[in-house]
Amino acid sequence: MVDLGVKIGNLDLKNPVMTASGTFGYGLEFEDFFDLNRLGGFVVKGTTLHARQGNPYPRSAETPSGMLNAVGLQNRGVKYFAEYIYPKLEKFQTNVLVNVSGSTVEEYVECAEVINELEHIPGIELNISCPNVKEGGMTFGTSCPSAEAVVREVRKVYDKHLMVKLSPNVTSIEEIARAVENVGADSVSLINTLLAMAIDAESRKPLLSTITGGLSGPAVKPVALRMVWQVAQAVKIPIVGMGGIMNAADAVEFMLAGASAIQVGTAGFVDPLAPVKIVEGIEDYLKRHKIESVTDLVGSL
């Protein structure tokens, strides 16, 4: 018997595998594929104070090595979430986190205040790194002062687990990680997507209506691994790693680099069962290598 349990600040996860926001809907869409309680947790789609229509279509495209998206945080707003979605999520016996975004600091704060009142939501993932919106999103996560400002203000009103999702589209992700740690983040998750684009040579047009979008999938994994390792040297709070994790070996690599847990995103579009297969694969890895606890992997590169 091996121990798959991990602790992310005050969050207890039965195993280190979560799903990534923006790739898993509200989780309910995957109930027909597997028991969501088998996961360490899942992060529901980006939620904002007010409803958003998202970007015009086409807003997703495949590339030879990954997926481009520019959905633009389409959602019906936090009050709709609290009234209609949350009651369906209360039944789950695992950690359900809400990804929170906004165009202003005040919107982040008001959205977090609403979610703070939801008893069965033990944490939020503060998204200061979305590259697919014109206002807010990544703007907050690309400088230390703006990242500090939004995390500091949200910390004042939100008293549960505060995870901050970081952008790879910066010069020094370590500096941003230290900045949010200093103003109250309980953990950081990284990386969000890389700003990228694709062009159809025949039509001579970009594949996305927004021209640029966020790249995820296997292409970004080496970049994500490097950044997780760098941030692990820079902060003391736990790290949740993500970026191109397609199987259990990928997940183990992220933990060796310093991640205490991981999130699975694009892999779920290829195989909806990928998250639970990764849980099983990590357990098999620990048995084969005679490692008693998955926490022994963290930062053991």
Protein backbone atom coordinates (compact mmCIF):
# COMPACT_ATOMS: atom_id res chain seq x y z
CA MET A 1 0.00 0.00 0.00
CA VAL A 2 1.34 3.42 -0.96
CA ASP A 3 0.17 6.79 0.33
CA LEU A 4 -1.10 9.10 -2.42
CA GLY A 5 -2.30 11.83 -0.07
CA VAL A 6 -0.84 15.34 -0.29
CA LYS A 7 -1.41 18.57 1.58
CA ILE A 8 -1.56 21.93 -0.22
CA GLY A 9 -1.58 24.46 2.57
CA ASN A 10 -4.81 23.72 4.42
CA LEU A 11 -6.20 21.57 1.58
CA ASP A 12 -6.04 17.81 2.03
CA LEU A 13 -5.99 15.97 -1.30
CA LYS A 14 -6.53 12.18 -1.45
CA ASN A 15 -4.10 12.15 -4.36
CA PRO A 16 -2.08 14.84 -6.19
CA VAL A 17 -4.20 14.91 -9.37
CA MET A 18 -6.56 17.77 -10.10
CA THR A 19 -8.07 18.97 -13.36
CA ALA A 20 -7.31 22.35 -14.85
CA SER A 21 -9.80 25.16 -15.17
CA GLY A 22 -11.07 25.84 -18.65
CA THR A 23 -10.72 22.22 -19.69
CA PHE A 24 -13.20 20.52 -17.37
CA GLY A 25 -16.31 22.70 -17.43
CA TYR A 26 -18.02 22.47 -14.06
CA GLY A 27 -16.92 18.87 -13.69
CA LEU A 28 -20.52 17.74 -14.11
CA GLU A 29 -19.90 17.26 -17.84
CA PHE A 30 -17.46 14.42 -17.00
CA GLU A 31 -19.66 12.51 -14.55
CA ASP A 32 -20.64 9.99 -17.20
CA PHE A 33 -16.99 9.06 -17.75
CA PHE A 34 -15.76 8.44 -14.20
CA ASP A 35 -16.41 9.08 -10.51
CA LEU A 36 -15.04 12.58 -9.89
CA ASN A 37 -14.42 11.65 -6.25
CA ARG A 38 -11.42 9.64 -7.46
CA LEU A 39 -9.57 12.90 -8.08
CA GLY A 40 -7.65 14.94 -5.55
CA GLY A 41 -9.77 17.83 -6.71
CA PHE A 42 -11.01 19.75 -9.72
CA VAL A 43 -11.04 23.41 -10.66
CA VAL A 44 -14.20 24.63 -12.34
CA LYS A 45 -14.23 27.02 -15.28
CA GLY A 46 -13.20 30.65 -15.07
CA THR A 47 -15.82 32.65 -13.19
CA THR A 48 -16.21 36.42 -13.24
CA LEU A 49 -18.38 38.90 -11.37
CA HIS A 50 -20.57 39.54 -14.41
CA ALA A 51 -21.57 37.22 -17.27
CA ARG A 52 -19.26 37.11 -20.30
CA GLN A 53 -20.03 35.99 -23.84
CA GLY A 54 -16.44 35.06 -24.59
CA ASN A 55 -14.63 35.71 -27.85
CA PRO A 56 -16.09 35.20 -31.36
CA TYR A 57 -15.67 31.84 -33.08
CA PRO A 58 -13.39 30.22 -34.13
CA ARG A 59 -11.72 30.28 -30.74
CA SER A 60 -9.92 26.94 -30.59
CA ALA A 61 -7.61 25.18 -33.02
CA GLU A 62 -5.28 22.19 -33.07
CA THR A 63 -1.62 22.55 -33.93
CA PRO A 64 0.82 19.66 -34.58
CA SER A 65 2.02 19.80 -30.96
CA GLY A 66 -0.75 21.32 -28.90
CA MET A 67 -4.02 23.19 -28.71
CA LEU A 68 -4.70 26.89 -29.17
CA ASN A 69 -7.67 28.48 -27.46
CA ALA A 70 -9.12 31.93 -27.04
CA VAL A 71 -12.43 31.18 -25.34
CA GLY A 72 -12.28 34.41 -23.37
CA LEU A 73 -13.72 33.31 -20.01
CA GLN A 74 -17.25 32.66 -21.25
CA ASN A 75 -19.43 32.18 -18.19
CA ARG A 76 -22.72 33.38 -16.68
CA GLY A 77 -21.25 35.18 -13.70
CA VAL A 78 -20.63 34.29 -10.08
CA LYS A 79 -24.22 34.79 -8.88
CA TYR A 80 -25.45 32.29 -11.48
CA PHE A 81 -22.74 29.91 -10.35
CA ALA A 82 -23.73 30.26 -6.70
CA GLU A 83 -27.43 29.79 -7.38
CA TYR A 84 -27.51 27.10 -10.06
CA ILE A 85 -24.15 25.30 -10.27
CA TYR A 86 -22.94 25.21 -6.69
CA PRO A 87 -25.89 23.13 -5.41
CA LYS A 88 -24.89 20.42 -7.89
CA LEU A 89 -21.29 20.44 -6.68
CA GLU A 90 -21.99 20.13 -2.95
CA LYS A 91 -22.33 16.33 -3.23
CA PHE A 92 -18.72 15.69 -4.23
CA GLN A 93 -16.33 14.28 -1.65
CA THR A 94 -13.29 15.94 -3.08
CA ASN A 95 -11.89 19.46 -3.34
CA VAL A 96 -13.81 21.73 -5.72
CA LEU A 97 -12.05 25.01 -6.44
CA VAL A 98 -13.38 27.93 -8.48
CA ASN A 99 -11.15 29.77 -10.93
CA VAL A 100 -11.77 33.49 -10.39
CA SER A 101 -10.99 36.25 -12.88
CA GLY A 102 -11.87 39.88 -13.44
CA SER A 103 -11.24 43.08 -15.38
CA THR A 104 -10.50 45.16 -12.29
CA VAL A 105 -9.24 44.50 -8.79
CA GLU A 106 -12.71 45.36 -7.50
CA GLU A 107 -14.28 42.66 -9.69
CA TYR A 108 -11.85 40.03 -8.38
CA VAL A 109 -12.68 41.08 -4.81
CA GLU A 110 -16.46 41.02 -5.26
CA CYS A 111 -16.35 37.66 -7.00
CA ALA A 112 -14.18 36.18 -4.24
CA GLU A 113 -16.54 37.54 -1.60
CA VAL A 114 -19.47 35.64 -3.10
CA ILE A 115 -17.53 32.37 -3.29
CA ASN A 116 -16.22 32.82 0.24
CA GLU A 117 -19.77 32.21 1.47
CA LEU A 118 -20.08 28.82 -0.28
CA GLU A 119 -19.40 26.25 2.42
CA HIS A 120 -18.31 23.39 0.17
CA ILE A 121 -15.85 25.39 -1.92
CA PRO A 122 -12.61 25.18 0.11
CA GLY A 123 -10.53 27.37 -2.17
CA ILE A 124 -10.25 29.57 -5.21
CA GLU A 125 -7.69 29.71 -7.96
CA LEU A 126 -7.08 33.38 -8.68
CA ASN A 127 -6.52 33.70 -12.41
CA ILE A 128 -4.15 36.62 -13.02
CA SER A 129 -2.76 34.96 -16.13
CA CYS A 130 -5.47 34.46 -18.79
CA PRO A 131 -4.03 35.62 -22.15
CA ASN A 132 -7.40 35.63 -23.94
CA VAL A 133 -9.21 38.68 -22.58
CA LYS A 134 -8.70 42.31 -23.54
CA GLU A 135 -9.01 43.67 -20.01
CA GLY A 136 -7.65 42.19 -16.79
CA GLY A 137 -6.53 38.56 -16.85
CA MET A 138 -2.88 38.32 -17.77
CA THR A 139 -2.45 42.08 -17.30
CA PHE A 140 -2.46 41.54 -13.54
CA GLY A 141 0.06 38.73 -13.63
CA THR A 142 2.84 40.26 -15.68
CA SER A 143 4.22 42.71 -13.12
CA CYS A 144 4.89 42.37 -9.41
CA PRO A 145 2.98 45.52 -8.36
CA SER A 146 -0.23 44.57 -10.20
CA ALA A 147 -0.04 40.92 -9.07
CA GLU A 148 0.49 42.03 -5.47
CA ALA A 149 -2.39 44.51 -5.68
CA VAL A 150 -5.03 42.00 -6.70
CA VAL A 151 -3.85 39.23 -4.35
CA ARG A 152 -3.56 41.62 -1.40
CA GLU A 153 -7.10 42.95 -1.86
CA VAL A 154 -8.64 39.51 -2.39
CA ARG A 155 -6.81 38.21 0.68
CA LYS A 156 -8.61 40.83 2.79
CA VAL A 157 -12.03 39.34 1.99
CA TYR A 158 -11.27 35.69 1.27
CA ASP A 159 -10.34 33.50 4.24
CA LYS A 160 -10.09 30.05 2.62
CA HIS A 161 -7.35 28.59 0.42
CA LEU A 162 -6.03 31.18 -2.04
CA MET A 163 -4.19 29.63 -4.99
CA VAL A 164 -2.77 32.05 -7.57
CA LYS A 165 -2.40 30.92 -11.19
CA LEU A 166 0.72 32.36 -12.82
CA SER A 167 1.47 33.32 -16.41
CA PRO A 168 4.49 31.99 -18.32
CA ASN A 169 4.40 35.13 -20.47
CA VAL A 170 6.76 37.04 -18.18
CA THR A 171 10.48 37.70 -17.91
CA SER A 172 10.81 36.22 -14.42
CA ILE A 173 8.06 33.98 -13.08
CA GLU A 174 10.02 33.57 -9.83
CA GLU A 175 9.63 37.27 -9.06
CA ILE A 176 5.88 37.12 -9.60
CA ALA A 177 5.63 34.01 -7.41
CA ARG A 178 7.56 35.68 -4.58
CA ALA A 179 5.40 38.78 -4.89
CA VAL A 180 2.10 36.91 -4.46
CA GLU A 181 3.55 34.78 -1.67
CA ASN A 182 4.48 37.93 0.23
CA VAL A 183 0.92 39.28 0.17
CA GLY A 184 -0.89 36.14 1.27
CA ALA A 185 -1.14 33.49 -1.45
CA ASP A 186 -1.43 30.00 0.05
CA SER A 187 -0.13 28.31 -3.10
CA VAL A 188 0.67 29.02 -6.74
CA SER A 189 -0.36 27.07 -9.82
CA LEU A 190 1.62 27.21 -13.06
CA ILE A 191 1.74 27.49 -15.93
CA ASN A 192 -1.20 29.05 -17.72
CA THR A 193 -1.06 28.91 -21.52
CA LEU A 194 1.67 30.44 -23.65
CA LEU A 195 0.65 33.27 -25.94
CA ALA A 196 0.82 31.88 -29.49
CA MET A 197 -0.83 31.91 -32.93
CA ALA A 198 -1.46 29.72 -35.97
CA ILE A 199 -2.10 30.64 -39.61
CA ASP A 200 -3.85 28.78 -42.44
CA ALA A 201 -1.49 29.19 -45.39
CA GLU A 202 -4.20 28.44 -47.96
CA SER A 203 -6.69 31.04 -46.75
CA ARG A 204 -3.89 33.31 -45.50
CA LYS A 205 -5.86 33.92 -42.32
CA PRO A 206 -5.21 33.21 -38.65
CA LEU A 207 -7.00 30.16 -37.23
CA LEU A 208 -8.41 32.12 -34.28
CA SER A 209 -10.78 35.07 -34.50
CA THR A 210 -8.60 36.84 -31.95
CA ILE A 211 -5.45 36.10 -34.02
CA THR A 212 -3.50 35.11 -30.90
CA GLY A 213 -4.49 32.65 -28.19
CA GLY A 214 -3.13 30.39 -25.49
CA LEU A 215 -1.10 27.30 -26.39
CA SER A 216 -1.38 24.20 -24.20
CA GLY A 217 -0.50 20.53 -24.55
CA PRO A 218 2.75 18.60 -25.00
CA ALA A 219 4.52 21.52 -26.70
CA VAL A 220 4.55 23.60 -23.51
CA LYS A 221 5.63 20.86 -21.10
CA PRO A 222 9.40 21.56 -21.13
CA VAL A 223 8.72 25.25 -20.52
CA ALA A 224 6.31 24.44 -17.68
CA LEU A 225 8.73 22.01 -16.05
CA ARG A 226 11.50 24.61 -16.14
CA MET A 227 9.25 27.22 -14.55
CA VAL A 228 7.98 24.88 -11.81
CA TRP A 229 11.58 24.03 -10.94
CA GLN A 230 12.56 27.72 -10.87
CA VAL A 231 9.59 28.73 -8.70
CA ALA A 232 10.28 25.84 -6.33
CA GLN A 233 13.67 27.41 -5.61
CA ALA A 234 12.06 30.82 -5.02
CA VAL A 235 9.05 30.29 -2.70
CA LYS A 236 8.07 28.28 0.37
CA ILE A 237 4.37 27.88 -0.43
CA PRO A 238 3.21 24.75 -2.31
CA ILE A 239 3.22 24.62 -6.10
CA VAL A 240 0.58 23.00 -8.29
CA GLY A 241 2.18 22.19 -11.64
CA MET A 242 0.52 21.99 -15.02
CA GLY A 243 1.35 22.32 -18.69
CA GLY A 244 1.28 19.42 -21.12
CA ILE A 245 0.76 16.65 -18.58
CA MET A 246 -0.54 13.77 -20.70
CA ASN A 247 0.30 10.73 -18.53
CA ALA A 248 1.58 9.59 -15.14
CA ALA A 249 5.24 9.91 -16.15
CA ASP A 250 4.66 13.58 -16.98
CA ALA A 251 2.98 14.10 -13.61
CA VAL A 252 5.88 12.46 -11.75
CA GLU A 253 8.34 14.72 -13.58
CA PHE A 254 6.47 17.80 -12.36
CA MET A 255 6.57 16.52 -8.78
CA LEU A 256 10.28 15.77 -9.04
CA ALA A 257 10.72 19.38 -10.20
CA GLY A 258 8.97 20.64 -7.06
CA ALA A 259 5.21 20.48 -7.57
CA SER A 260 3.20 19.13 -4.62
CA ALA A 261 0.24 18.40 -6.90
CA ILE A 262 -0.59 18.68 -10.59
CA GLN A 263 -3.45 19.68 -12.86
CA VAL A 264 -4.45 17.88 -16.05
CA GLY A 265 -5.88 19.96 -18.88
CA THR A 266 -5.50 19.32 -22.60
CA ALA A 267 -5.07 15.56 -22.06
CA GLY A 268 -8.75 15.40 -21.10
CA PHE A 269 -9.74 16.45 -24.61
CA VAL A 270 -7.80 13.50 -26.03
CA ASP A 271 -9.01 11.01 -23.42
CA PRO A 272 -11.64 12.02 -20.83
CA LEU A 273 -10.30 9.28 -18.56
CA ALA A 274 -6.78 10.70 -18.58
CA PRO A 275 -7.01 12.22 -15.05
CA VAL A 276 -7.94 8.93 -13.36
CA LYS A 277 -5.45 7.00 -15.49
CA ILE A 278 -2.78 9.39 -14.18
CA VAL A 279 -3.86 8.69 -10.58
CA GLU A 280 -3.50 4.95 -11.24
CA GLY A 281 -0.20 5.47 -13.05
CA ILE A 282 1.32 7.43 -10.17
CA GLU A 283 0.31 4.67 -7.76
CA ASP A 284 1.92 2.08 -10.03
CA TYR A 285 5.09 4.19 -10.26
CA LEU A 286 5.37 4.38 -6.46
CA LYS A 287 4.95 0.61 -6.13
CA ARG A 288 7.52 -0.15 -8.81
CA HIS A 289 10.05 2.17 -7.22
CA LYS A 290 9.18 1.07 -3.67
CA ILE A 291 8.30 4.60 -2.56
CA GLU A 292 5.84 4.70 0.35
CA SER A 293 4.47 8.23 -0.05
CA VAL A 294 3.94 10.39 -3.12
CA THR A 295 5.18 13.36 -1.09
CA ASP A 296 8.65 11.80 -1.18
CA LEU A 297 8.76 12.73 -4.87
CA VAL A 298 8.27 16.46 -4.33
CA GLY A 299 11.41 18.38 -5.22
CA SER A 300 13.57 15.25 -5.12
CA LEU A 301 15.23 15.91 -8.46
